[in-house]
Amino acid sequence: MSGLLVACVLLFFSFTLNREQHQCALIHWYSVFGDQPDPDNGMWVVTPNYYGSAPNVAVVHIDSIFRAAHLLPIFNAGPIPRTLNYTSTLDSFKGFYVNNYIDYHTYETVV
């Protein structure tokens, strides 16, 4: 993925240290699955990263965030619950495709 990493932003916050304001984000890291895109659709696969049962989270400066990623859930063969909505999608699926076809910039960046 051209050296890019995927993460889910959980919280934006700022703090002041020695009279300097730092704008940060609390993120949940995702791992790239495999060393090349899915051969069927050309999209990279990512999965949420955990240490045991705890999510792998970190605090990063917002300047290190390049852009938003459009993640498409990888559906299994079973039916999707009617109660599923957009607010719980990232917690309900185990893997996602990074949609590099969403716009021109993403197509050129996520190779």
Protein backbone atom coordinates (compact mmCIF):
# COMPACT_ATOMS: atom_id res chain seq x y z
CA MET A 1 0.00 0.00 0.00
CA SER A 2 2.82 2.38 -0.85
CA GLY A 3 4.04 2.32 2.77
CA LEU A 4 0.75 3.69 4.12
CA LEU A 5 -0.91 2.32 7.26
CA VAL A 6 -4.61 2.17 8.07
CA ALA A 7 -6.14 3.13 11.41
CA CYS A 8 -9.54 4.06 12.79
CA VAL A 9 -9.67 7.41 14.57
CA LEU A 10 -11.41 6.98 17.91
CA LEU A 11 -10.90 10.48 19.32
CA PHE A 12 -9.44 13.85 18.38
CA PHE A 13 -7.99 15.89 21.23
CA SER A 14 -5.42 18.54 22.03
CA PHE A 15 -3.28 19.45 25.00
CA THR A 16 -0.82 22.15 25.93
CA LEU A 17 2.71 21.38 27.06
CA ASN A 18 5.27 24.12 27.71
CA ARG A 19 2.90 26.67 26.14
CA GLU A 20 2.75 24.68 22.90
CA GLN A 21 -0.52 23.15 21.78
CA HIS A 22 -0.42 19.62 20.38
CA GLN A 23 -3.32 18.33 18.29
CA CYS A 24 -3.57 14.55 18.41
CA ALA A 25 -5.76 11.57 17.66
CA LEU A 26 -6.32 8.31 19.49
CA ILE A 27 -6.31 5.59 16.83
CA HIS A 28 -6.92 1.85 16.52
CA TRP A 29 -4.35 0.32 14.17
CA TYR A 30 -5.33 -2.02 11.33
CA SER A 31 -2.99 -4.62 9.81
CA VAL A 32 -2.59 -5.19 6.09
CA PHE A 33 -3.44 -8.79 5.24
CA GLY A 34 -1.01 -10.22 2.71
CA ASP A 35 1.68 -8.62 0.62
CA GLN A 36 -0.44 -7.72 -2.40
CA PRO A 37 -4.00 -6.66 -3.19
CA ASP A 38 -6.83 -9.18 -3.46
CA PRO A 39 -6.51 -10.72 -6.95
CA ASP A 40 -10.30 -10.68 -7.52
CA ASN A 41 -10.87 -6.95 -7.04
CA GLY A 42 -7.44 -5.26 -6.77
CA MET A 43 -8.13 -3.88 -3.28
CA TRP A 44 -5.95 -4.33 -0.21
CA VAL A 45 -7.42 -6.20 2.77
CA VAL A 46 -7.01 -4.82 6.30
CA THR A 47 -8.04 -6.23 9.67
CA PRO A 48 -8.26 -4.55 13.10
CA ASN A 49 -5.08 -5.16 15.10
CA TYR A 50 -5.33 -6.54 18.66
CA TYR A 51 -3.00 -7.54 21.49
CA GLY A 52 -4.90 -10.53 22.80
CA SER A 53 -8.41 -9.13 23.23
CA ALA A 54 -7.31 -5.50 23.64
CA PRO A 55 -7.27 -3.21 20.60
CA ASN A 56 -3.86 -1.98 19.48
CA VAL A 57 -4.27 1.77 20.04
CA ALA A 58 -1.87 4.67 19.86
CA VAL A 59 -1.79 8.44 20.11
CA VAL A 60 -0.50 10.19 16.98
CA HIS A 61 -0.11 13.82 15.97
CA ILE A 62 -2.77 14.81 13.46
CA ASP A 63 -0.05 15.90 11.02
CA SER A 64 0.77 12.21 10.55
CA ILE A 65 -2.74 11.50 9.19
CA PHE A 66 -2.57 11.58 5.40
CA ARG A 67 -6.21 11.18 4.38
CA ALA A 68 -9.42 9.29 5.02
CA ALA A 69 -9.76 5.73 3.75
CA HIS A 70 -12.96 4.18 2.46
CA LEU A 71 -13.29 0.71 4.00
CA LEU A 72 -15.70 -1.86 2.58
CA PRO A 73 -16.67 -4.73 4.88
CA ILE A 74 -15.80 -8.26 3.83
CA PHE A 75 -19.11 -10.07 4.12
CA ASN A 76 -19.41 -13.74 5.03
CA ALA A 77 -21.99 -16.12 3.58
CA GLY A 78 -24.55 -15.53 6.35
CA PRO A 79 -27.27 -12.90 6.38
CA ILE A 80 -26.57 -9.41 7.71
CA PRO A 81 -28.56 -8.55 10.85
CA ARG A 82 -31.27 -5.93 10.31
CA THR A 83 -30.04 -4.11 13.42
CA LEU A 84 -26.63 -3.39 11.86
CA ASN A 85 -26.11 0.29 11.06
CA TYR A 86 -23.22 2.51 10.08
CA THR A 87 -22.24 3.27 13.69
CA SER A 88 -21.30 -0.34 14.42
CA THR A 89 -19.90 -1.47 11.06
CA LEU A 90 -16.22 -1.22 12.04
CA ASP A 91 -16.90 -3.33 15.14
CA SER A 92 -19.07 -5.91 13.35
CA PHE A 93 -16.72 -7.18 10.64
CA LYS A 94 -13.32 -8.85 10.90
CA GLY A 95 -11.86 -7.58 7.65
CA PHE A 96 -12.23 -4.73 5.18
CA TYR A 97 -11.23 -3.85 1.64
CA VAL A 98 -9.44 -0.51 1.22
CA ASN A 99 -11.44 0.97 -1.66
CA ASN A 100 -8.84 2.48 -3.96
CA TYR A 101 -11.52 3.17 -6.61
CA ILE A 102 -13.38 5.74 -4.49
CA ASP A 103 -11.62 8.73 -6.10
CA TYR A 104 -8.66 9.63 -8.30
CA HIS A 105 -6.29 10.56 -5.43
CA THR A 106 -6.86 7.25 -3.64
CA TYR A 107 -6.45 5.30 -6.88
CA GLU A 108 -3.09 6.98 -7.50
CA THR A 109 -1.93 6.70 -3.86
CA VAL A 110 -2.98 3.21 -2.78
CA VAL A 111 -1.17 1.06 -5.31
